[in-house]
Amino acid sequence: EAKRLSIMATNVLNLTKIENQTILTDVTQFNLSEQVRKCV
């Protein structure tokens, strides 16, 4: 339960952070296919 609530708190903070962003920053060109495979 502590782990689950910790993940939730992190997600809420992540969402709050990106909701407050108005422009996209740190844009780079990268291998999308490799990123998706790593996420799997």
PDB file of all heavy atoms in Angstrom:
ATOM      1  N   GLU A   1       0.831  -1.204   0.000  1.00  0.00           N
ATOM      2  CA  GLU A   1       0.000   0.000   0.000  1.00  0.00           C
ATOM      3  C   GLU A   1       0.869   1.260   0.000  1.00  0.00           C
ATOM      4  O   GLU A   1       0.577   2.224  -0.703  1.00  0.00           O
ATOM      5  CB  GLU A   1      -0.924  -0.009   1.215  1.00  0.00           C
ATOM      6  CG  GLU A   1      -1.923   1.147   1.246  1.00  0.00           C
ATOM      7  CD  GLU A   1      -2.963   1.092   0.142  1.00  0.00           C
ATOM      8  OE1 GLU A   1      -2.988   0.115  -0.614  1.00  0.00           O
ATOM      9  OE2 GLU A   1      -3.754   2.051   0.036  1.00  0.00           O
ATOM     10  N   ALA A   2       1.938   1.250   0.784  1.00  0.00           N
ATOM     11  CA  ALA A   2       2.846   2.402   0.821  1.00  0.00           C
ATOM     12  C   ALA A   2       3.460   2.649  -0.560  1.00  0.00           C
ATOM     13  O   ALA A   2       3.579   3.789  -1.001  1.00  0.00           O
ATOM     14  CB  ALA A   2       3.944   2.170   1.847  1.00  0.00           C
ATOM     15  N   LYS A   3       3.824   1.553  -1.244  1.00  0.00           N
ATOM     16  CA  LYS A   3       4.408   1.666  -2.584  1.00  0.00           C
ATOM     17  C   LYS A   3       3.395   2.241  -3.561  1.00  0.00           C
ATOM     18  O   LYS A   3       3.704   3.114  -4.367  1.00  0.00           O
ATOM     19  CB  LYS A   3       4.875   0.285  -3.053  1.00  0.00           C
ATOM     20  CG  LYS A   3       5.555   0.305  -4.413  1.00  0.00           C
ATOM     21  CD  LYS A   3       6.020  -1.097  -4.808  1.00  0.00           C
ATOM     22  CE  LYS A   3       6.664  -1.095  -6.187  1.00  0.00           C
ATOM     23  NZ  LYS A   3       7.076  -2.450  -6.597  1.00  0.00           N
ATOM     24  N   ARG A   4       2.152   1.752  -3.464  1.00  0.00           N
ATOM     25  CA  ARG A   4       1.108   2.215  -4.386  1.00  0.00           C
ATOM     26  C   ARG A   4       0.819   3.697  -4.172  1.00  0.00           C
ATOM     27  O   ARG A   4       0.682   4.467  -5.125  1.00  0.00           O
ATOM     28  CB  ARG A   4      -0.170   1.399  -4.168  1.00  0.00           C
ATOM     29  CG  ARG A   4      -1.246   1.646  -5.221  1.00  0.00           C
ATOM     30  CD  ARG A   4      -2.568   1.054  -4.787  1.00  0.00           C
ATOM     31  NE  ARG A   4      -3.077   1.744  -3.612  1.00  0.00           N
ATOM     32  CZ  ARG A   4      -3.664   2.942  -3.662  1.00  0.00           C
ATOM     33  NH1 ARG A   4      -3.788   3.575  -4.813  1.00  0.00           N
ATOM     34  NH2 ARG A   4      -4.105   3.515  -2.572  1.00  0.00           N
ATOM     35  N   LEU A   5       0.729   4.106  -2.903  1.00  0.00           N
ATOM     36  CA  LEU A   5       0.448   5.506  -2.604  1.00  0.00           C
ATOM     37  C   LEU A   5       1.614   6.405  -3.006  1.00  0.00           C
ATOM     38  O   LEU A   5       1.411   7.540  -3.437  1.00  0.00           O
ATOM     39  CB  LEU A   5       0.125   5.673  -1.119  1.00  0.00           C
ATOM     40  CG  LEU A   5      -1.166   4.997  -0.634  1.00  0.00           C
ATOM     41  CD1 LEU A   5      -1.346   5.199   0.860  1.00  0.00           C
ATOM     42  CD2 LEU A   5      -2.373   5.512  -1.396  1.00  0.00           C
ATOM     43  N   SER A   6       2.832   5.892  -2.892  1.00  0.00           N
ATOM     44  CA  SER A   6       4.005   6.652  -3.310  1.00  0.00           C
ATOM     45  C   SER A   6       3.979   6.893  -4.814  1.00  0.00           C
ATOM     46  O   SER A   6       4.279   7.993  -5.292  1.00  0.00           O
ATOM     47  CB  SER A   6       5.280   5.897  -2.923  1.00  0.00           C
ATOM     48  OG  SER A   6       6.412   6.529  -3.452  1.00  0.00           O
ATOM     49  N   ILE A   7       3.607   5.846  -5.566  1.00  0.00           N
ATOM     50  CA  ILE A   7       3.499   5.977  -7.029  1.00  0.00           C
ATOM     51  C   ILE A   7       2.422   6.989  -7.385  1.00  0.00           C
ATOM     52  O   ILE A   7       2.582   7.818  -8.275  1.00  0.00           O
ATOM     53  CB  ILE A   7       3.205   4.606  -7.671  1.00  0.00           C
ATOM     54  CG1 ILE A   7       4.416   3.683  -7.539  1.00  0.00           C
ATOM     55  CG2 ILE A   7       2.818   4.763  -9.145  1.00  0.00           C
ATOM     56  CD1 ILE A   7       4.158   2.241  -7.917  1.00  0.00           C
ATOM     57  N   MET A   8       1.310   6.921  -6.666  1.00  0.00           N
ATOM     58  CA  MET A   8       0.219   7.855  -6.938  1.00  0.00           C
ATOM     59  C   MET A   8       0.652   9.295  -6.694  1.00  0.00           C
ATOM     60  O   MET A   8       0.376  10.191  -7.495  1.00  0.00           O
ATOM     61  CB  MET A   8      -0.986   7.527  -6.070  1.00  0.00           C
ATOM     62  CG  MET A   8      -2.164   8.459  -6.326  1.00  0.00           C
ATOM     63  SD  MET A   8      -3.584   8.033  -5.328  1.00  0.00           S
ATOM     64  CE  MET A   8      -4.731   9.296  -5.894  1.00  0.00           C
ATOM     65  N   ALA A   9       1.355   9.527  -5.559  1.00  0.00           N
ATOM     66  CA  ALA A   9       1.831  10.879  -5.245  1.00  0.00           C
ATOM     67  C   ALA A   9       2.768  11.390  -6.338  1.00  0.00           C
ATOM     68  O   ALA A   9       2.685  12.553  -6.750  1.00  0.00           O
ATOM     69  CB  ALA A   9       2.541  10.874  -3.892  1.00  0.00           C
ATOM     70  N   THR A  10       3.655  10.510  -6.810  1.00  0.00           N
ATOM     71  CA  THR A  10       4.575  10.878  -7.883  1.00  0.00           C
ATOM     72  C   THR A  10       3.815  11.240  -9.149  1.00  0.00           C
ATOM     73  O   THR A  10       4.132  12.233  -9.821  1.00  0.00           O
ATOM     74  CB  THR A  10       5.545   9.714  -8.181  1.00  0.00           C
ATOM     75  OG1 THR A  10       6.281   9.406  -7.000  1.00  0.00           O
ATOM     76  CG2 THR A  10       6.530  10.093  -9.287  1.00  0.00           C
ATOM     77  N   ASN A  11       2.789  10.448  -9.475  1.00  0.00           N
ATOM     78  CA  ASN A  11       1.983  10.720 -10.671  1.00  0.00           C
ATOM     79  C   ASN A  11       1.235  12.045 -10.564  1.00  0.00           C
ATOM     80  O   ASN A  11       1.125  12.790 -11.537  1.00  0.00           O
ATOM     81  CB  ASN A  11       0.993   9.588 -10.910  1.00  0.00           C
ATOM     82  CG  ASN A  11       1.625   8.403 -11.617  1.00  0.00           C
ATOM     83  OD1 ASN A  11       2.693   8.527 -12.206  1.00  0.00           O
ATOM     84  ND2 ASN A  11       0.984   7.256 -11.551  1.00  0.00           N
ATOM     85  N   VAL A  12       0.705  12.337  -9.374  1.00  0.00           N
ATOM     86  CA  VAL A  12       0.002  13.606  -9.175  1.00  0.00           C
ATOM     87  C   VAL A  12       0.965  14.776  -9.381  1.00  0.00           C
ATOM     88  O   VAL A  12       0.631  15.765 -10.039  1.00  0.00           O
ATOM     89  CB  VAL A  12      -0.640  13.673  -7.772  1.00  0.00           C
ATOM     90  CG1 VAL A  12      -1.186  15.074  -7.494  1.00  0.00           C
ATOM     91  CG2 VAL A  12      -1.766  12.655  -7.652  1.00  0.00           C
ATOM     92  N   LEU A  13       2.182  14.646  -8.831  1.00  0.00           N
ATOM     93  CA  LEU A  13       3.182  15.706  -9.004  1.00  0.00           C
ATOM     94  C   LEU A  13       3.591  15.848 -10.467  1.00  0.00           C
ATOM     95  O   LEU A  13       3.749  16.962 -10.976  1.00  0.00           O
ATOM     96  CB  LEU A  13       4.413  15.425  -8.137  1.00  0.00           C
ATOM     97  CG  LEU A  13       4.223  15.621  -6.634  1.00  0.00           C
ATOM     98  CD1 LEU A  13       5.444  15.126  -5.877  1.00  0.00           C
ATOM     99  CD2 LEU A  13       3.961  17.085  -6.309  1.00  0.00           C
ATOM    100  N   ASN A  14       3.762  14.712 -11.153  1.00  0.00           N
ATOM    101  CA  ASN A  14       4.098  14.751 -12.581  1.00  0.00           C
ATOM    102  C   ASN A  14       3.013  15.450 -13.381  1.00  0.00           C
ATOM    103  O   ASN A  14       3.286  16.277 -14.255  1.00  0.00           O
ATOM    104  CB  ASN A  14       4.287  13.332 -13.127  1.00  0.00           C
ATOM    105  CG  ASN A  14       5.615  12.719 -12.731  1.00  0.00           C
ATOM    106  OD1 ASN A  14       6.537  13.434 -12.350  1.00  0.00           O
ATOM    107  ND2 ASN A  14       5.719  11.403 -12.813  1.00  0.00           N
ATOM    108  N   LEU A  15       1.753  15.104 -13.082  1.00  0.00           N
ATOM    109  CA  LEU A  15       0.636  15.707 -13.805  1.00  0.00           C
ATOM    110  C   LEU A  15       0.559  17.202 -13.526  1.00  0.00           C
ATOM    111  O   LEU A  15       0.352  18.005 -14.442  1.00  0.00           O
ATOM    112  CB  LEU A  15      -0.676  15.009 -13.418  1.00  0.00           C
ATOM    113  CG  LEU A  15      -1.934  15.529 -14.128  1.00  0.00           C
ATOM    114  CD1 LEU A  15      -1.789  15.419 -15.644  1.00  0.00           C
ATOM    115  CD2 LEU A  15      -3.171  14.763 -13.659  1.00  0.00           C
ATOM    116  N   THR A  16       0.724  17.575 -12.263  1.00  0.00           N
ATOM    117  CA  THR A  16       0.687  19.004 -11.896  1.00  0.00           C
ATOM    118  C   THR A  16       1.776  19.778 -12.635  1.00  0.00           C
ATOM    119  O   THR A  16       1.544  20.879 -13.143  1.00  0.00           O
ATOM    120  CB  THR A  16       0.877  19.175 -10.377  1.00  0.00           C
ATOM    121  OG1 THR A  16      -0.151  18.450  -9.699  1.00  0.00           O
ATOM    122  CG2 THR A  16       0.795  20.638  -9.975  1.00  0.00           C
ATOM    123  N   LYS A  17       2.951  19.171 -12.716  1.00  0.00           N
ATOM    124  CA  LYS A  17       4.080  19.815 -13.394  1.00  0.00           C
ATOM    125  C   LYS A  17       3.790  20.037 -14.876  1.00  0.00           C
ATOM    126  O   LYS A  17       3.991  21.140 -15.400  1.00  0.00           O
ATOM    127  CB  LYS A  17       5.335  18.951 -13.226  1.00  0.00           C
ATOM    128  CG  LYS A  17       6.580  19.537 -13.876  1.00  0.00           C
ATOM    129  CD  LYS A  17       7.775  18.608 -13.661  1.00  0.00           C
ATOM    130  CE  LYS A  17       9.007  19.131 -14.384  1.00  0.00           C
ATOM    131  NZ  LYS A  17      10.169  18.226 -14.210  1.00  0.00           N
ATOM    132  N   ILE A  18       3.303  19.002 -15.562  1.00  0.00           N
ATOM    133  CA  ILE A  18       3.077  19.156 -17.006  1.00  0.00           C
ATOM    134  C   ILE A  18       1.831  19.980 -17.305  1.00  0.00           C
ATOM    135  O   ILE A  18       1.748  20.615 -18.351  1.00  0.00           O
ATOM    136  CB  ILE A  18       3.019  17.792 -17.739  1.00  0.00           C
ATOM    137  CG1 ILE A  18       1.865  16.937 -17.238  1.00  0.00           C
ATOM    138  CG2 ILE A  18       4.332  17.063 -17.630  1.00  0.00           C
ATOM    139  CD1 ILE A  18       1.682  15.652 -18.028  1.00  0.00           C
ATOM    140  N   GLU A  19       0.873  19.990 -16.370  1.00  0.00           N
ATOM    141  CA  GLU A  19      -0.309  20.844 -16.564  1.00  0.00           C
ATOM    142  C   GLU A  19       0.077  22.310 -16.525  1.00  0.00           C
ATOM    143  O   GLU A  19      -0.563  23.146 -17.169  1.00  0.00           O
ATOM    144  CB  GLU A  19      -1.360  20.557 -15.489  1.00  0.00           C
ATOM    145  CG  GLU A  19      -2.216  19.335 -15.774  1.00  0.00           C
ATOM    146  CD  GLU A  19      -3.308  19.131 -14.745  1.00  0.00           C
ATOM    147  OE1 GLU A  19      -3.118  19.511 -13.574  1.00  0.00           O
ATOM    148  OE2 GLU A  19      -4.347  18.581 -15.119  1.00  0.00           O
ATOM    149  N   ASN A  20       1.111  22.625 -15.760  1.00  0.00           N
ATOM    150  CA  ASN A  20       1.551  24.023 -15.634  1.00  0.00           C
ATOM    151  C   ASN A  20       2.465  24.458 -16.775  1.00  0.00           C
ATOM    152  O   ASN A  20       2.806  25.632 -16.871  1.00  0.00           O
ATOM    153  CB  ASN A  20       2.260  24.230 -14.289  1.00  0.00           C
ATOM    154  CG  ASN A  20       1.290  24.164 -13.113  1.00  0.00           C
ATOM    155  OD1 ASN A  20       0.112  24.467 -13.271  1.00  0.00           O
ATOM    156  ND2 ASN A  20       1.776  23.751 -11.953  1.00  0.00           N
ATOM    157  N   GLN A  21       2.878  23.513 -17.617  1.00  0.00           N
ATOM    158  CA  GLN A  21       3.714  23.861 -18.768  1.00  0.00           C
ATOM    159  C   GLN A  21       2.851  24.348 -19.921  1.00  0.00           C
ATOM    160  O   GLN A  21       1.786  23.784 -20.197  1.00  0.00           O
ATOM    161  CB  GLN A  21       4.507  22.636 -19.241  1.00  0.00           C
ATOM    162  CG  GLN A  21       5.841  22.481 -18.542  1.00  0.00           C
ATOM    163  CD  GLN A  21       6.716  21.448 -19.220  1.00  0.00           C
ATOM    164  OE1 GLN A  21       6.998  20.418 -18.639  1.00  0.00           O
ATOM    165  NE2 GLN A  21       7.154  21.736 -20.430  1.00  0.00           N
ATOM    166  N   THR A  22       3.302  25.398 -20.563  1.00  0.00           N
ATOM    167  CA  THR A  22       2.561  25.925 -21.707  1.00  0.00           C
ATOM    168  C   THR A  22       3.295  25.683 -23.021  1.00  0.00           C
ATOM    169  O   THR A  22       2.681  25.710 -24.081  1.00  0.00           O
ATOM    170  CB  THR A  22       2.296  27.438 -21.542  1.00  0.00           C
ATOM    171  OG1 THR A  22       3.548  28.102 -21.304  1.00  0.00           O
ATOM    172  CG2 THR A  22       1.360  27.686 -20.367  1.00  0.00           C
ATOM    173  N   ILE A  23       4.604  25.483 -22.931  1.00  0.00           N
ATOM    174  CA  ILE A  23       5.374  25.194 -24.145  1.00  0.00           C
ATOM    175  C   ILE A  23       6.219  23.949 -23.918  1.00  0.00           C
ATOM    176  O   ILE A  23       6.556  23.609 -22.789  1.00  0.00           O
ATOM    177  CB  ILE A  23       6.288  26.376 -24.562  1.00  0.00           C
ATOM    178  CG1 ILE A  23       7.275  26.719 -23.433  1.00  0.00           C
ATOM    179  CG2 ILE A  23       5.480  27.581 -24.969  1.00  0.00           C
ATOM    180  CD1 ILE A  23       8.368  27.667 -23.848  1.00  0.00           C
ATOM    181  N   LEU A  24       6.548  23.280 -25.014  1.00  0.00           N
ATOM    182  CA  LEU A  24       7.349  22.060 -24.941  1.00  0.00           C
ATOM    183  C   LEU A  24       8.829  22.429 -24.866  1.00  0.00           C
ATOM    184  O   LEU A  24       9.326  23.213 -25.668  1.00  0.00           O
ATOM    185  CB  LEU A  24       7.078  21.203 -26.177  1.00  0.00           C
ATOM    186  CG  LEU A  24       7.618  19.778 -26.156  1.00  0.00           C
ATOM    187  CD1 LEU A  24       6.974  18.978 -25.029  1.00  0.00           C
ATOM    188  CD2 LEU A  24       7.344  19.101 -27.497  1.00  0.00           C
ATOM    189  N   THR A  25       9.521  21.864 -23.878  1.00  0.00           N
ATOM    190  CA  THR A  25      10.945  22.148 -23.705  1.00  0.00           C
ATOM    191  C   THR A  25      11.757  20.867 -23.908  1.00  0.00           C
ATOM    192  O   THR A  25      11.205  19.773 -23.993  1.00  0.00           O
ATOM    193  CB  THR A  25      11.216  22.700 -22.296  1.00  0.00           C
ATOM    194  OG1 THR A  25      10.724  21.758 -21.319  1.00  0.00           O
ATOM    195  CG2 THR A  25      10.518  24.032 -22.087  1.00  0.00           C
ATOM    196  N   ASP A  26      13.085  21.032 -23.954  1.00  0.00           N
ATOM    197  CA  ASP A  26      14.020  19.904 -24.069  1.00  0.00           C
ATOM    198  C   ASP A  26      13.677  18.972 -25.236  1.00  0.00           C
ATOM    199  O   ASP A  26      13.638  17.749 -25.088  1.00  0.00           O
ATOM    200  CB  ASP A  26      14.051  19.092 -22.767  1.00  0.00           C
ATOM    201  CG  ASP A  26      14.485  19.929 -21.573  1.00  0.00           C
ATOM    202  OD1 ASP A  26      15.376  20.774 -21.754  1.00  0.00           O
ATOM    203  OD2 ASP A  26      13.922  19.741 -20.481  1.00  0.00           O
ATOM    204  N   VAL A  27      13.420  19.561 -26.391  1.00  0.00           N
ATOM    205  CA  VAL A  27      13.077  18.768 -27.580  1.00  0.00           C
ATOM    206  C   VAL A  27      14.352  18.249 -28.251  1.00  0.00           C
ATOM    207  O   VAL A  27      15.269  19.020 -28.533  1.00  0.00           O
ATOM    208  CB  VAL A  27      12.252  19.603 -28.583  1.00  0.00           C
ATOM    209  CG1 VAL A  27      11.991  18.804 -29.861  1.00  0.00           C
ATOM    210  CG2 VAL A  27      10.942  20.044 -27.952  1.00  0.00           C
ATOM    211  N   THR A  28      14.405  16.942 -28.470  1.00  0.00           N
ATOM    212  CA  THR A  28      15.539  16.322 -29.168  1.00  0.00           C
ATOM    213  C   THR A  28      15.002  15.320 -30.183  1.00  0.00           C
ATOM    214  O   THR A  28      13.836  14.933 -30.150  1.00  0.00           O
ATOM    215  CB  THR A  28      16.466  15.577 -28.183  1.00  0.00           C
ATOM    216  OG1 THR A  28      15.704  14.560 -27.500  1.00  0.00           O
ATOM    217  CG2 THR A  28      17.073  16.516 -27.173  1.00  0.00           C
ATOM    218  N   GLN A  29      15.871  14.904 -31.093  1.00  0.00           N
ATOM    219  CA  GLN A  29      15.532  13.853 -32.052  1.00  0.00           C
ATOM    220  C   GLN A  29      16.038  12.535 -31.466  1.00  0.00           C
ATOM    221  O   GLN A  29      17.204  12.431 -31.075  1.00  0.00           O
ATOM    222  CB  GLN A  29      16.229  14.128 -33.388  1.00  0.00           C
ATOM    223  CG  GLN A  29      15.823  13.187 -34.519  1.00  0.00           C
ATOM    224  CD  GLN A  29      14.629  13.701 -35.305  1.00  0.00           C
ATOM    225  OE1 GLN A  29      14.180  14.815 -35.075  1.00  0.00           O
ATOM    226  NE2 GLN A  29      14.119  12.898 -36.212  1.00  0.00           N
ATOM    227  N   PHE A  30      15.166  11.549 -31.358  1.00  0.00           N
ATOM    228  CA  PHE A  30      15.593  10.272 -30.767  1.00  0.00           C
ATOM    229  C   PHE A  30      14.864   9.095 -31.416  1.00  0.00           C
ATOM    230  O   PHE A  30      13.884   9.270 -32.160  1.00  0.00           O
ATOM    231  CB  PHE A  30      15.366  10.274 -29.247  1.00  0.00           C
ATOM    232  CG  PHE A  30      13.919  10.373 -28.838  1.00  0.00           C
ATOM    233  CD1 PHE A  30      13.161   9.234 -28.609  1.00  0.00           C
ATOM    234  CD2 PHE A  30      13.314  11.617 -28.677  1.00  0.00           C
ATOM    235  CE1 PHE A  30      11.836   9.315 -28.227  1.00  0.00           C
ATOM    236  CE2 PHE A  30      11.983  11.712 -28.294  1.00  0.00           C
ATOM    237  CZ  PHE A  30      11.244  10.558 -28.071  1.00  0.00           C
ATOM    238  N   ASN A  31      15.355   7.899 -31.124  1.00  0.00           N
ATOM    239  CA  ASN A  31      14.799   6.672 -31.687  1.00  0.00           C
ATOM    240  C   ASN A  31      13.546   6.276 -30.910  1.00  0.00           C
ATOM    241  O   ASN A  31      13.612   5.736 -29.809  1.00  0.00           O
ATOM    242  CB  ASN A  31      15.849   5.553 -31.628  1.00  0.00           C
ATOM    243  CG  ASN A  31      15.401   4.300 -32.360  1.00  0.00           C
ATOM    244  OD1 ASN A  31      14.226   3.960 -32.396  1.00  0.00           O
ATOM    245  ND2 ASN A  31      16.371   3.593 -32.943  1.00  0.00           N
ATOM    246  N   LEU A  32      12.397   6.550 -31.485  1.00  0.00           N
ATOM    247  CA  LEU A  32      11.116   6.254 -30.852  1.00  0.00           C
ATOM    248  C   LEU A  32      10.908   4.754 -30.683  1.00  0.00           C
ATOM    249  O   LEU A  32      10.410   4.293 -29.647  1.00  0.00           O
ATOM    250  CB  LEU A  32       9.984   6.852 -31.694  1.00  0.00           C
ATOM    251  CG  LEU A  32       8.555   6.568 -31.243  1.00  0.00           C
ATOM    252  CD1 LEU A  32       8.277   7.200 -29.882  1.00  0.00           C
ATOM    253  CD2 LEU A  32       7.562   7.089 -32.281  1.00  0.00           C
ATOM    254  N   SER A  33      11.286   3.980 -31.680  1.00  0.00           N
ATOM    255  CA  SER A  33      11.105   2.526 -31.634  1.00  0.00           C
ATOM    256  C   SER A  33      11.877   1.916 -30.476  1.00  0.00           C
ATOM    257  O   SER A  33      11.363   1.057 -29.742  1.00  0.00           O
ATOM    258  CB  SER A  33      11.560   1.894 -32.952  1.00  0.00           C
ATOM    259  OG  SER A  33      10.846   2.443 -34.042  1.00  0.00           O
ATOM    260  N   GLU A  34      13.112   2.370 -30.286  1.00  0.00           N
ATOM    261  CA  GLU A  34      13.934   1.868 -29.193  1.00  0.00           C
ATOM    262  C   GLU A  34      13.319   2.259 -27.848  1.00  0.00           C
ATOM    263  O   GLU A  34      13.320   1.470 -26.895  1.00  0.00           O
ATOM    264  CB  GLU A  34      15.356   2.429 -29.305  1.00  0.00           C
ATOM    265  CG  GLU A  34      16.339   1.891 -28.272  1.00  0.00           C
ATOM    266  CD  GLU A  34      16.579   0.393 -28.372  1.00  0.00           C
ATOM    267  OE1 GLU A  34      16.331  -0.201 -29.446  1.00  0.00           O
ATOM    268  OE2 GLU A  34      16.996  -0.193 -27.353  1.00  0.00           O
ATOM    269  N   GLN A  35      12.791   3.471 -27.760  1.00  0.00           N
ATOM    270  CA  GLN A  35      12.168   3.922 -26.521  1.00  0.00           C
ATOM    271  C   GLN A  35      10.952   3.054 -26.156  1.00  0.00           C
ATOM    272  O   GLN A  35      10.791   2.646 -25.000  1.00  0.00           O
ATOM    273  CB  GLN A  35      11.726   5.381 -26.639  1.00  0.00           C
ATOM    274  CG  GLN A  35      11.138   5.926 -25.342  1.00  0.00           C
ATOM    275  CD  GLN A  35      10.664   7.348 -25.481  1.00  0.00           C
ATOM    276  OE1 GLN A  35       9.819   7.655 -26.321  1.00  0.00           O
ATOM    277  NE2 GLN A  35      11.194   8.237 -24.649  1.00  0.00           N
ATOM    278  N   VAL A  36      10.125   2.754 -27.135  1.00  0.00           N
ATOM    279  CA  VAL A  36       8.939   1.927 -26.887  1.00  0.00           C
ATOM    280  C   VAL A  36       9.337   0.525 -26.441  1.00  0.00           C
ATOM    281  O   VAL A  36       8.767  -0.038 -25.500  1.00  0.00           O
ATOM    282  CB  VAL A  36       8.029   1.877 -28.140  1.00  0.00           C
ATOM    283  CG1 VAL A  36       6.922   0.838 -27.971  1.00  0.00           C
ATOM    284  CG2 VAL A  36       7.429   3.255 -28.417  1.00  0.00           C
ATOM    285  N   ARG A  37      10.354  -0.050 -27.095  1.00  0.00           N
ATOM    286  CA  ARG A  37      10.812  -1.390 -26.694  1.00  0.00           C
ATOM    287  C   ARG A  37      11.321  -1.398 -25.246  1.00  0.00           C
ATOM    288  O   ARG A  37      11.051  -2.334 -24.489  1.00  0.00           O
ATOM    289  CB  ARG A  37      11.920  -1.878 -27.653  1.00  0.00           C
ATOM    290  CG  ARG A  37      11.401  -2.313 -29.020  1.00  0.00           C
ATOM    291  CD  ARG A  37      12.479  -3.030 -29.817  1.00  0.00           C
ATOM    292  NE  ARG A  37      13.519  -2.125 -30.274  1.00  0.00           N
ATOM    293  CZ  ARG A  37      13.541  -1.556 -31.475  1.00  0.00           C
ATOM    294  NH1 ARG A  37      12.588  -1.804 -32.355  1.00  0.00           N
ATOM    295  NH2 ARG A  37      14.535  -0.747 -31.819  1.00  0.00           N
ATOM    296  N   LYS A  38      12.052  -0.343 -24.863  1.00  0.00           N
ATOM    297  CA  LYS A  38      12.560  -0.254 -23.497  1.00  0.00           C
ATOM    298  C   LYS A  38      11.418  -0.137 -22.489  1.00  0.00           C
ATOM    299  O   LYS A  38      11.480  -0.697 -21.389  1.00  0.00           O
ATOM    300  CB  LYS A  38      13.510   0.944 -23.361  1.00  0.00           C
ATOM    301  CG  LYS A  38      14.872   0.714 -23.997  1.00  0.00           C
ATOM    302  CD  LYS A  38      15.766   1.941 -23.840  1.00  0.00           C
ATOM    303  CE  LYS A  38      17.141   1.703 -24.451  1.00  0.00           C
ATOM    304  NZ  LYS A  38      17.991   2.927 -24.371  1.00  0.00           N
ATOM    305  N   CYS A  39      10.369   0.591 -22.854  1.00  0.00           N
ATOM    306  CA  CYS A  39       9.218   0.745 -21.963  1.00  0.00           C
ATOM    307  C   CYS A  39       8.506  -0.598 -21.751  1.00  0.00           C
ATOM    308  O   CYS A  39       8.022  -0.884 -20.656  1.00  0.00           O
ATOM    309  CB  CYS A  39       8.245   1.785 -22.511  1.00  0.00           C
ATOM    310  SG  CYS A  39       8.875   3.482 -22.404  1.00  0.00           S
ATOM    311  N   VAL A  40       8.444  -1.409 -22.793  1.00  0.00           N
ATOM    312  CA  VAL A  40       7.861  -2.746 -22.662  1.00  0.00           C
ATOM    313  C   VAL A  40       8.694  -3.580 -21.693  1.00  0.00           C
ATOM    314  O   VAL A  40       8.166  -4.262 -20.812  1.00  0.00           O
ATOM    315  CB  VAL A  40       7.751  -3.454 -24.034  1.00  0.00           C
ATOM    316  CG1 VAL A  40       7.337  -4.917 -23.869  1.00  0.00           C
ATOM    317  CG2 VAL A  40       6.740  -2.728 -24.931  1.00  0.00           C
TER     318      VAL A  40
END
